[in-house]
Structures are given as C-alpha cells and as structure tokens.
Amino acid sequence: MLALALRLGMTLHDLREQMSAEELMLWMAYDRLSPIGDIRGDIQTSIIAASTLQAQGAKVTTADMMPKWAPETVLPVDEEQEAIEGEASFMAYLKGMSAA
C-alpha cells in the first residue's frame, strides 16, 4: 500500500480517505500482475543498459545489469495463512472506514 501511495503522490491517510475498498482491491490485484514498486524501473533500466552495451559488442544480458539489492532467498509461503491475514487486514480496514 505504501508503494501505491508513493506512486499516486498521496499519503496513506489520503489514500484511505479517497479510495474505495473496491478500487484498493483492484490495485492490489494489478500489483500482483505488474508490480507498482521500484523493481519495474530497475528492469526497464537494465534493458536499456544491456542494449547499449550489446550494441558496442559486449556479451551481457539484462539480468547482468539488474542491481543486487539483497540476497536471493526464497522463503516458503503459507498461502492459507496469507489468506487469513489478508482477510483480517481487509476487515480491519473496513471497520476503520465505517468508524470514520
């Protein structure tokens, strides 16, 4: 939600006040398909950098140009637990909206 607020130039408070729960859920679904965060810019920049170097004869790939921000560790995902936490967060959000 922070990435969405940042991209829209809003604070979290503004986002909660101005966006319906339905629209928020649509943005969350969109983010799963096409991430809103900075990784997208990193990918686009790595494509440009790799293309420029390849035009000069360098043997590089787009993956070679991607910044390494953190070690790549894959944590197991408990989808059932994520669903429970997501539903609880959504219900808390709705309760907060009704109290306002």
PDB file of N, CA and C in Angstrom:
ATOM      1  N   MET A   1       0.815  -1.179   0.000  1.00  0.00           N
ATOM      2  CA  MET A   1       0.000   0.000   0.000  1.00  0.00           C
ATOM      3  C   MET A   1       0.867   1.254   0.000  1.00  0.00           C
ATOM      4  N   LEU A   2       2.046   1.164   0.616  1.00  0.00           N
ATOM      5  CA  LEU A   2       2.959   2.301   0.615  1.00  0.00           C
ATOM      6  C   LEU A   2       3.420   2.636  -0.797  1.00  0.00           C
ATOM      7  N   ALA A   3       3.727   1.609  -1.588  1.00  0.00           N
ATOM      8  CA  ALA A   3       4.178   1.847  -2.961  1.00  0.00           C
ATOM      9  C   ALA A   3       3.081   2.518  -3.777  1.00  0.00           C
ATOM     10  N   LEU A   4       1.847   2.110  -3.592  1.00  0.00           N
ATOM     11  CA  LEU A   4       0.733   2.722  -4.311  1.00  0.00           C
ATOM     12  C   LEU A   4       0.585   4.189  -3.914  1.00  0.00           C
ATOM     13  N   ALA A   5       0.635   4.469  -2.625  1.00  0.00           N
ATOM     14  CA  ALA A   5       0.527   5.853  -2.162  1.00  0.00           C
ATOM     15  C   ALA A   5       1.658   6.699  -2.743  1.00  0.00           C
ATOM     16  N   LEU A   6       2.867   6.155  -2.739  1.00  0.00           N
ATOM     17  CA  LEU A   6       4.016   6.869  -3.287  1.00  0.00           C
ATOM     18  C   LEU A   6       3.820   7.167  -4.764  1.00  0.00           C
ATOM     19  N   ARG A   7       3.408   6.175  -5.531  1.00  0.00           N
ATOM     20  CA  ARG A   7       3.212   6.351  -6.972  1.00  0.00           C
ATOM     21  C   ARG A   7       2.108   7.345  -7.295  1.00  0.00           C
ATOM     22  N   LEU A   8       1.090   7.411  -6.445  1.00  0.00           N
ATOM     23  CA  LEU A   8      -0.022   8.331  -6.679  1.00  0.00           C
ATOM     24  C   LEU A   8       0.222   9.704  -6.055  1.00  0.00           C
ATOM     25  N   GLY A   9       1.360   9.858  -5.373  1.00  0.00           N
ATOM     26  CA  GLY A   9       1.676  11.139  -4.745  1.00  0.00           C
ATOM     27  C   GLY A   9       0.760  11.466  -3.576  1.00  0.00           C
ATOM     28  N   MET A  10       0.365  10.439  -2.839  1.00  0.00           N
ATOM     29  CA  MET A  10      -0.555  10.616  -1.716  1.00  0.00           C
ATOM     30  C   MET A  10       0.073  10.062  -0.445  1.00  0.00           C
ATOM     31  N   THR A  11      -0.457  10.510   0.678  1.00  0.00           N
ATOM     32  CA  THR A  11      -0.089   9.875   1.941  1.00  0.00           C
ATOM     33  C   THR A  11      -1.011   8.677   2.143  1.00  0.00           C
ATOM     34  N   LEU A  12      -0.674   7.825   3.087  1.00  0.00           N
ATOM     35  CA  LEU A  12      -1.551   6.690   3.381  1.00  0.00           C
ATOM     36  C   LEU A  12      -2.918   7.176   3.857  1.00  0.00           C
ATOM     37  N   HIS A  13      -2.922   8.248   4.622  1.00  0.00           N
ATOM     38  CA  HIS A  13      -4.195   8.812   5.094  1.00  0.00           C
ATOM     39  C   HIS A  13      -5.046   9.265   3.905  1.00  0.00           C
ATOM     40  N   ASP A  14      -4.430   9.985   2.963  1.00  0.00           N
ATOM     41  CA  ASP A  14      -5.157  10.431   1.768  1.00  0.00           C
ATOM     42  C   ASP A  14      -5.701   9.239   0.991  1.00  0.00           C
ATOM     43  N   LEU A  15      -4.869   8.226   0.857  1.00  0.00           N
ATOM     44  CA  LEU A  15      -5.265   7.038   0.108  1.00  0.00           C
ATOM     45  C   LEU A  15      -6.491   6.379   0.741  1.00  0.00           C
ATOM     46  N   ARG A  16      -6.470   6.235   2.053  1.00  0.00           N
ATOM     47  CA  ARG A  16      -7.599   5.615   2.754  1.00  0.00           C
ATOM     48  C   ARG A  16      -8.869   6.461   2.653  1.00  0.00           C
ATOM     49  N   GLU A  17      -8.701   7.772   2.686  1.00  0.00           N
ATOM     50  CA  GLU A  17      -9.858   8.670   2.647  1.00  0.00           C
ATOM     51  C   GLU A  17     -10.486   8.745   1.259  1.00  0.00           C
ATOM     52  N   GLN A  18      -9.659   8.698   0.209  1.00  0.00           N
ATOM     53  CA  GLN A  18     -10.146   8.975  -1.138  1.00  0.00           C
ATOM     54  C   GLN A  18     -10.427   7.737  -1.980  1.00  0.00           C
ATOM     55  N   MET A  19      -9.922   6.575  -1.573  1.00  0.00           N
ATOM     56  CA  MET A  19     -10.061   5.385  -2.406  1.00  0.00           C
ATOM     57  C   MET A  19     -11.043   4.400  -1.773  1.00  0.00           C
ATOM     58  N   SER A  20     -11.931   3.885  -2.588  1.00  0.00           N
ATOM     59  CA  SER A  20     -12.888   2.900  -2.086  1.00  0.00           C
ATOM     60  C   SER A  20     -12.181   1.563  -1.868  1.00  0.00           C
ATOM     61  N   ALA A  21     -12.789   0.716  -1.063  1.00  0.00           N
ATOM     62  CA  ALA A  21     -12.226  -0.614  -0.817  1.00  0.00           C
ATOM     63  C   ALA A  21     -12.158  -1.410  -2.113  1.00  0.00           C
ATOM     64  N   GLU A  22     -13.157  -1.243  -2.970  1.00  0.00           N
ATOM     65  CA  GLU A  22     -13.170  -1.960  -4.249  1.00  0.00           C
ATOM     66  C   GLU A  22     -11.984  -1.545  -5.117  1.00  0.00           C
ATOM     67  N   GLU A  23     -11.737  -0.236  -5.202  1.00  0.00           N
ATOM     68  CA  GLU A  23     -10.612   0.230  -6.018  1.00  0.00           C
ATOM     69  C   GLU A  23      -9.283  -0.235  -5.430  1.00  0.00           C
ATOM     70  N   LEU A  24      -9.174  -0.223  -4.108  1.00  0.00           N
ATOM     71  CA  LEU A  24      -7.954  -0.695  -3.460  1.00  0.00           C
ATOM     72  C   LEU A  24      -7.704  -2.164  -3.789  1.00  0.00           C
ATOM     73  N   MET A  25      -8.741  -2.979  -3.753  1.00  0.00           N
ATOM     74  CA  MET A  25      -8.596  -4.401  -4.089  1.00  0.00           C
ATOM     75  C   MET A  25      -8.177  -4.576  -5.550  1.00  0.00           C
ATOM     76  N   LEU A  26      -8.698  -3.743  -6.442  1.00  0.00           N
ATOM     77  CA  LEU A  26      -8.290  -3.808  -7.851  1.00  0.00           C
ATOM     78  C   LEU A  26      -6.817  -3.442  -8.010  1.00  0.00           C
ATOM     79  N   TRP A  27      -6.362  -2.407  -7.303  1.00  0.00           N
ATOM     80  CA  TRP A  27      -4.952  -2.034  -7.359  1.00  0.00           C
ATOM     81  C   TRP A  27      -4.065  -3.162  -6.815  1.00  0.00           C
ATOM     82  N   MET A  28      -4.516  -3.807  -5.745  1.00  0.00           N
ATOM     83  CA  MET A  28      -3.732  -4.906  -5.177  1.00  0.00           C
ATOM     84  C   MET A  28      -3.635  -6.065  -6.167  1.00  0.00           C
ATOM     85  N   ALA A  29      -4.715  -6.357  -6.872  1.00  0.00           N
ATOM     86  CA  ALA A  29      -4.692  -7.414  -7.887  1.00  0.00           C
ATOM     87  C   ALA A  29      -3.775  -7.024  -9.040  1.00  0.00           C
ATOM     88  N   TYR A  30      -3.839  -5.767  -9.460  1.00  0.00           N
ATOM     89  CA  TYR A  30      -2.964  -5.284 -10.535  1.00  0.00           C
ATOM     90  C   TYR A  30      -1.500  -5.393 -10.119  1.00  0.00           C
ATOM     91  N   ASP A  31      -1.212  -5.048  -8.867  1.00  0.00           N
ATOM     92  CA  ASP A  31       0.163  -5.094  -8.379  1.00  0.00           C
ATOM     93  C   ASP A  31       0.720  -6.511  -8.410  1.00  0.00           C
ATOM     94  N   ARG A  32      -0.130  -7.520  -8.217  1.00  0.00           N
ATOM     95  CA  ARG A  32       0.343  -8.907  -8.296  1.00  0.00           C
ATOM     96  C   ARG A  32       0.754  -9.263  -9.719  1.00  0.00           C
ATOM     97  N   LEU A  33       0.067  -8.699 -10.714  1.00  0.00           N
ATOM     98  CA  LEU A  33       0.371  -8.991 -12.120  1.00  0.00           C
ATOM     99  C   LEU A  33       1.499  -8.128 -12.661  1.00  0.00           C
ATOM    100  N   SER A  34       1.536  -6.881 -12.276  1.00  0.00           N
ATOM    101  CA  SER A  34       2.515  -5.925 -12.785  1.00  0.00           C
ATOM    102  C   SER A  34       2.920  -5.009 -11.635  1.00  0.00           C
ATOM    103  N   PRO A  35       3.988  -5.356 -10.923  1.00  0.00           N
ATOM    104  CA  PRO A  35       4.352  -4.636  -9.705  1.00  0.00           C
ATOM    105  C   PRO A  35       4.482  -3.125  -9.892  1.00  0.00           C
ATOM    106  N   ILE A  36       3.952  -2.403  -8.923  1.00  0.00           N
ATOM    107  CA  ILE A  36       3.964  -0.951  -8.943  1.00  0.00           C
ATOM    108  C   ILE A  36       5.309  -0.415  -8.454  1.00  0.00           C
ATOM    109  N   GLY A  37       6.031  -1.164  -7.657  1.00  0.00           N
ATOM    110  CA  GLY A  37       7.235  -0.690  -6.990  1.00  0.00           C
ATOM    111  C   GLY A  37       8.415  -0.396  -7.898  1.00  0.00           C
ATOM    112  N   ASP A  38       9.536  -0.084  -7.268  1.00  0.00           N
ATOM    113  CA  ASP A  38      10.739   0.338  -7.970  1.00  0.00           C
ATOM    114  C   ASP A  38      11.385  -0.763  -8.798  1.00  0.00           C
ATOM    115  N   ILE A  39      11.060  -2.012  -8.560  1.00  0.00           N
ATOM    116  CA  ILE A  39      11.661  -3.101  -9.322  1.00  0.00           C
ATOM    117  C   ILE A  39      11.371  -2.949 -10.805  1.00  0.00           C
ATOM    118  N   ARG A  40      10.203  -2.417 -11.117  1.00  0.00           N
ATOM    119  CA  ARG A  40       9.834  -2.226 -12.522  1.00  0.00           C
ATOM    120  C   ARG A  40      10.811  -1.264 -13.211  1.00  0.00           C
ATOM    121  N   GLY A  41      11.147  -0.176 -12.553  1.00  0.00           N
ATOM    122  CA  GLY A  41      12.114   0.777 -13.100  1.00  0.00           C
ATOM    123  C   GLY A  41      13.487   0.154 -13.249  1.00  0.00           C
ATOM    124  N   ASP A  42      13.876  -0.687 -12.277  1.00  0.00           N
ATOM    125  CA  ASP A  42      15.162  -1.379 -12.367  1.00  0.00           C
ATOM    126  C   ASP A  42      15.203  -2.278 -13.597  1.00  0.00           C
ATOM    127  N   ILE A  43      14.106  -2.976 -13.870  1.00  0.00           N
ATOM    128  CA  ILE A  43      14.049  -3.865 -15.034  1.00  0.00           C
ATOM    129  C   ILE A  43      14.157  -3.062 -16.322  1.00  0.00           C
ATOM    130  N   GLN A  44      13.404  -1.970 -16.408  1.00  0.00           N
ATOM    131  CA  GLN A  44      13.445  -1.147 -17.616  1.00  0.00           C
ATOM    132  C   GLN A  44      14.836  -0.557 -17.840  1.00  0.00           C
ATOM    133  N   THR A  45      15.467  -0.097 -16.780  1.00  0.00           N
ATOM    134  CA  THR A  45      16.806   0.469 -16.897  1.00  0.00           C
ATOM    135  C   THR A  45      17.820  -0.595 -17.285  1.00  0.00           C
ATOM    136  N   SER A  46      17.686  -1.802 -16.756  1.00  0.00           N
ATOM    137  CA  SER A  46      18.633  -2.866 -17.106  1.00  0.00           C
ATOM    138  C   SER A  46      18.492  -3.264 -18.569  1.00  0.00           C
ATOM    139  N   ILE A  47      17.282  -3.193 -19.120  1.00  0.00           N
ATOM    140  CA  ILE A  47      17.079  -3.485 -20.546  1.00  0.00           C
ATOM    141  C   ILE A  47      17.816  -2.453 -21.394  1.00  0.00           C
ATOM    142  N   ILE A  48      17.682  -1.180 -21.025  1.00  0.00           N
ATOM    143  CA  ILE A  48      18.358  -0.116 -21.774  1.00  0.00           C
ATOM    144  C   ILE A  48      19.871  -0.259 -21.664  1.00  0.00           C
ATOM    145  N   ALA A  49      20.371  -0.504 -20.446  1.00  0.00           N
ATOM    146  CA  ALA A  49      21.818  -0.639 -20.251  1.00  0.00           C
ATOM    147  C   ALA A  49      22.373  -1.822 -21.029  1.00  0.00           C
ATOM    148  N   ALA A  50      21.686  -2.962 -20.970  1.00  0.00           N
ATOM    149  CA  ALA A  50      22.154  -4.150 -21.691  1.00  0.00           C
ATOM    150  C   ALA A  50      22.136  -3.906 -23.194  1.00  0.00           C
ATOM    151  N   SER A  51      21.099  -3.262 -23.696  1.00  0.00           N
ATOM    152  CA  SER A  51      21.011  -2.983 -25.137  1.00  0.00           C
ATOM    153  C   SER A  51      22.144  -2.082 -25.596  1.00  0.00           C
ATOM    154  N   THR A  52      22.447  -1.065 -24.799  1.00  0.00           N
ATOM    155  CA  THR A  52      23.529  -0.145 -25.138  1.00  0.00           C
ATOM    156  C   THR A  52      24.867  -0.872 -25.181  1.00  0.00           C
ATOM    157  N   LEU A  53      25.128  -1.688 -24.182  1.00  0.00           N
ATOM    158  CA  LEU A  53      26.392  -2.431 -24.142  1.00  0.00           C
ATOM    159  C   LEU A  53      26.459  -3.482 -25.246  1.00  0.00           C
ATOM    160  N   GLN A  54      25.347  -4.145 -25.529  1.00  0.00           N
ATOM    161  CA  GLN A  54      25.323  -5.145 -26.598  1.00  0.00           C
ATOM    162  C   GLN A  54      25.584  -4.506 -27.955  1.00  0.00           C
ATOM    163  N   ALA A  55      25.111  -3.280 -28.155  1.00  0.00           N
ATOM    164  CA  ALA A  55      25.357  -2.570 -29.413  1.00  0.00           C
ATOM    165  C   ALA A  55      26.842  -2.281 -29.608  1.00  0.00           C
ATOM    166  N   GLN A  56      27.579  -2.225 -28.507  1.00  0.00           N
ATOM    167  CA  GLN A  56      29.025  -1.996 -28.569  1.00  0.00           C
ATOM    168  C   GLN A  56      29.810  -3.302 -28.575  1.00  0.00           C
ATOM    169  N   GLY A  57      29.100  -4.427 -28.617  1.00  0.00           N
ATOM    170  CA  GLY A  57      29.750  -5.727 -28.717  1.00  0.00           C
ATOM    171  C   GLY A  57      29.923  -6.477 -27.409  1.00  0.00           C
ATOM    172  N   ALA A  58      29.456  -5.924 -26.304  1.00  0.00           N
ATOM    173  CA  ALA A  58      29.604  -6.602 -25.015  1.00  0.00           C
ATOM    174  C   ALA A  58      28.661  -7.798 -24.946  1.00  0.00           C
ATOM    175  N   LYS A  59      29.110  -8.841 -24.304  1.00  0.00           N
ATOM    176  CA  LYS A  59      28.304 -10.054 -24.129  1.00  0.00           C
ATOM    177  C   LYS A  59      27.660 -10.008 -22.743  1.00  0.00           C
ATOM    178  N   VAL A  60      26.611  -9.232 -22.617  1.00  0.00           N
ATOM    179  CA  VAL A  60      25.898  -9.100 -21.343  1.00  0.00           C
ATOM    180  C   VAL A  60      24.422  -9.399 -21.563  1.00  0.00           C
ATOM    181  N   THR A  61      23.758  -9.724 -20.482  1.00  0.00           N
ATOM    182  CA  THR A  61      22.309  -9.939 -20.537  1.00  0.00           C
ATOM    183  C   THR A  61      21.628  -8.891 -19.662  1.00  0.00           C
ATOM    184  N   THR A  62      20.338  -8.811 -19.797  1.00  0.00           N
ATOM    185  CA  THR A  62      19.565  -7.893 -18.961  1.00  0.00           C
ATOM    186  C   THR A  62      19.742  -8.248 -17.487  1.00  0.00           C
ATOM    187  N   ALA A  63      19.782  -9.536 -17.189  1.00  0.00           N
ATOM    188  CA  ALA A  63      19.956  -9.976 -15.795  1.00  0.00           C
ATOM    189  C   ALA A  63      21.297  -9.516 -15.230  1.00  0.00           C
ATOM    190  N   ASP A  64      22.331  -9.430 -16.084  1.00  0.00           N
ATOM    191  CA  ASP A  64      23.638  -8.952 -15.627  1.00  0.00           C
ATOM    192  C   ASP A  64      23.574  -7.500 -15.157  1.00  0.00           C
ATOM    193  N   MET A  65      22.664  -6.737 -15.706  1.00  0.00           N
ATOM    194  CA  MET A  65      22.561  -5.308 -15.412  1.00  0.00           C
ATOM    195  C   MET A  65      21.636  -4.995 -14.236  1.00  0.00           C
ATOM    196  N   MET A  66      20.909  -5.997 -13.760  1.00  0.00           N
ATOM    197  CA  MET A  66      19.991  -5.775 -12.633  1.00  0.00           C
ATOM    198  C   MET A  66      20.777  -5.552 -11.345  1.00  0.00           C
ATOM    199  N   PRO A  67      20.425  -4.513 -10.572  1.00  0.00           N
ATOM    200  CA  PRO A  67      21.099  -4.319  -9.286  1.00  0.00           C
ATOM    201  C   PRO A  67      20.757  -5.448  -8.319  1.00  0.00           C
ATOM    202  N   LYS A  68      21.708  -5.815  -7.509  1.00  0.00           N
ATOM    203  CA  LYS A  68      21.508  -6.861  -6.499  1.00  0.00           C
ATOM    204  C   LYS A  68      21.313  -6.163  -5.155  1.00  0.00           C
ATOM    205  N   TRP A  69      20.049  -5.958  -4.772  1.00  0.00           N
ATOM    206  CA  TRP A  69      19.744  -5.220  -3.553  1.00  0.00           C
ATOM    207  C   TRP A  69      19.836  -6.088  -2.305  1.00  0.00           C
ATOM    208  N   ALA A  70      19.516  -7.340  -2.420  1.00  0.00           N
ATOM    209  CA  ALA A  70      19.523  -8.224  -1.255  1.00  0.00           C
ATOM    210  C   ALA A  70      19.796  -9.644  -1.735  1.00  0.00           C
ATOM    211  N   PRO A  71      20.296 -10.484  -0.852  1.00  0.00           N
ATOM    212  CA  PRO A  71      20.498 -11.876  -1.253  1.00  0.00           C
ATOM    213  C   PRO A  71      19.173 -12.516  -1.661  1.00  0.00           C
ATOM    214  N   GLU A  72      19.247 -13.364  -2.659  1.00  0.00           N
ATOM    215  CA  GLU A  72      18.040 -14.013  -3.163  1.00  0.00           C
ATOM    216  C   GLU A  72      17.744 -15.271  -2.353  1.00  0.00           C
ATOM    217  N   THR A  73      16.910 -15.103  -1.348  1.00  0.00           N
ATOM    218  CA  THR A  73      16.483 -16.246  -0.550  1.00  0.00           C
ATOM    219  C   THR A  73      14.993 -16.442  -0.783  1.00  0.00           C
ATOM    220  N   VAL A  74      14.633 -17.653  -0.991  1.00  0.00           N
ATOM    221  CA  VAL A  74      13.228 -17.969  -1.226  1.00  0.00           C
ATOM    222  C   VAL A  74      12.644 -18.538   0.057  1.00  0.00           C
ATOM    223  N   LEU A  75      11.690 -17.803   0.599  1.00  0.00           N
ATOM    224  CA  LEU A  75      11.039 -18.262   1.815  1.00  0.00           C
ATOM    225  C   LEU A  75       9.767 -19.013   1.446  1.00  0.00           C
ATOM    226  N   PRO A  76       9.479 -20.088   2.136  1.00  0.00           N
ATOM    227  CA  PRO A  76       8.238 -20.810   1.842  1.00  0.00           C
ATOM    228  C   PRO A  76       7.024 -19.942   2.184  1.00  0.00           C
ATOM    229  N   VAL A  77       6.018 -20.024   1.352  1.00  0.00           N
ATOM    230  CA  VAL A  77       4.808 -19.222   1.537  1.00  0.00           C
ATOM    231  C   VAL A  77       3.669 -20.135   1.979  1.00  0.00           C
ATOM    232  N   ASP A  78       3.066 -19.765   3.078  1.00  0.00           N
ATOM    233  CA  ASP A  78       1.890 -20.482   3.566  1.00  0.00           C
ATOM    234  C   ASP A  78       0.668 -19.729   3.050  1.00  0.00           C
ATOM    235  N   GLU A  79       0.127 -20.181   1.929  1.00  0.00           N
ATOM    236  CA  GLU A  79      -0.969 -19.464   1.278  1.00  0.00           C
ATOM    237  C   GLU A  79      -2.213 -19.379   2.155  1.00  0.00           C
ATOM    238  N   GLU A  80      -2.476 -20.413   2.918  1.00  0.00           N
ATOM    239  CA  GLU A  80      -3.649 -20.392   3.796  1.00  0.00           C
ATOM    240  C   GLU A  80      -3.488 -19.315   4.869  1.00  0.00           C
ATOM    241  N   GLN A  81      -2.300 -19.246   5.463  1.00  0.00           N
ATOM    242  CA  GLN A  81      -2.042 -18.233   6.490  1.00  0.00           C
ATOM    243  C   GLN A  81      -2.091 -16.831   5.883  1.00  0.00           C
ATOM    244  N   GLU A  82      -1.534 -16.665   4.673  1.00  0.00           N
ATOM    245  CA  GLU A  82      -1.589 -15.369   3.995  1.00  0.00           C
ATOM    246  C   GLU A  82      -3.030 -14.948   3.742  1.00  0.00           C
ATOM    247  N   ALA A  83      -3.870 -15.892   3.342  1.00  0.00           N
ATOM    248  CA  ALA A  83      -5.282 -15.588   3.085  1.00  0.00           C
ATOM    249  C   ALA A  83      -5.980 -15.149   4.370  1.00  0.00           C
ATOM    250  N   ILE A  84      -5.685 -15.827   5.472  1.00  0.00           N
ATOM    251  CA  ILE A  84      -6.291 -15.473   6.760  1.00  0.00           C
ATOM    252  C   ILE A  84      -5.850 -14.072   7.183  1.00  0.00           C
ATOM    253  N   GLU A  85      -4.537 -13.795   7.066  1.00  0.00           N
ATOM    254  CA  GLU A  85      -4.020 -12.481   7.447  1.00  0.00           C
ATOM    255  C   GLU A  85      -4.577 -11.392   6.533  1.00  0.00           C
ATOM    256  N   GLY A  86      -4.675 -11.688   5.240  1.00  0.00           N
ATOM    257  CA  GLY A  86      -5.214 -10.718   4.292  1.00  0.00           C
ATOM    258  C   GLY A  86      -6.660 -10.382   4.589  1.00  0.00           C
ATOM    259  N   GLU A  87      -7.438 -11.403   4.899  1.00  0.00           N
ATOM    260  CA  GLU A  87      -8.847 -11.179   5.228  1.00  0.00           C
ATOM    261  C   GLU A  87      -8.977 -10.370   6.517  1.00  0.00           C
ATOM    262  N   ALA A  88      -8.138 -10.686   7.505  1.00  0.00           N
ATOM    263  CA  ALA A  88      -8.184  -9.951   8.772  1.00  0.00           C
ATOM    264  C   ALA A  88      -7.804  -8.484   8.551  1.00  0.00           C
ATOM    265  N   SER A  89      -6.792  -8.237   7.725  1.00  0.00           N
ATOM    266  CA  SER A  89      -6.383  -6.863   7.428  1.00  0.00           C
ATOM    267  C   SER A  89      -7.488  -6.115   6.704  1.00  0.00           C
ATOM    268  N   PHE A  90      -8.122  -6.775   5.754  1.00  0.00           N
ATOM    269  CA  PHE A  90      -9.192  -6.144   4.987  1.00  0.00           C
ATOM    270  C   PHE A  90     -10.377  -5.806   5.887  1.00  0.00           C
ATOM    271  N   MET A  91     -10.726  -6.721   6.784  1.00  0.00           N
ATOM    272  CA  MET A  91     -11.840  -6.471   7.702  1.00  0.00           C
ATOM    273  C   MET A  91     -11.504  -5.309   8.641  1.00  0.00           C
ATOM    274  N   ALA A  92     -10.255  -5.249   9.108  1.00  0.00           N
ATOM    275  CA  ALA A  92      -9.839  -4.138   9.968  1.00  0.00           C
ATOM    276  C   ALA A  92      -9.916  -2.823   9.201  1.00  0.00           C
ATOM    277  N   TYR A  93      -9.534  -2.857   7.932  1.00  0.00           N
ATOM    278  CA  TYR A  93      -9.620  -1.669   7.078  1.00  0.00           C
ATOM    279  C   TYR A  93     -11.071  -1.216   6.950  1.00  0.00           C
ATOM    280  N   LEU A  94     -11.970  -2.165   6.688  1.00  0.00           N
ATOM    281  CA  LEU A  94     -13.384  -1.824   6.538  1.00  0.00           C
ATOM    282  C   LEU A  94     -13.965  -1.261   7.837  1.00  0.00           C
ATOM    283  N   LYS A  95     -13.570  -1.846   8.974  1.00  0.00           N
ATOM    284  CA  LYS A  95     -14.044  -1.338  10.261  1.00  0.00           C
ATOM    285  C   LYS A  95     -13.545   0.084  10.491  1.00  0.00           C
ATOM    286  N   GLY A  96     -12.294   0.344  10.091  1.00  0.00           N
ATOM    287  CA  GLY A  96     -11.739   1.691  10.215  1.00  0.00           C
ATOM    288  C   GLY A  96     -12.472   2.688   9.338  1.00  0.00           C
ATOM    289  N   MET A  97     -12.883   2.247   8.155  1.00  0.00           N
ATOM    290  CA  MET A  97     -13.615   3.127   7.239  1.00  0.00           C
ATOM    291  C   MET A  97     -15.001   3.451   7.792  1.00  0.00           C
ATOM    292  N   SER A  98     -15.648   2.472   8.429  1.00  0.00           N
ATOM    293  CA  SER A  98     -17.001   2.703   8.951  1.00  0.00           C
ATOM    294  C   SER A  98     -16.967   3.591  10.193  1.00  0.00           C
ATOM    295  N   ALA A  99     -15.851   3.580  10.915  1.00  0.00           N
ATOM    296  CA  ALA A  99     -15.735   4.401  12.118  1.00  0.00           C
ATOM    297  C   ALA A  99     -15.458   5.861  11.770  1.00  0.00           C
ATOM    298  N   ALA A 100     -14.933   6.108  10.568  1.00  0.00           N
ATOM    299  CA  ALA A 100     -14.561   7.481  10.185  1.00  0.00           C
ATOM    300  C   ALA A 100     -15.736   8.318   9.782  1.00  0.00           C
TER     301      ALA A 100
END
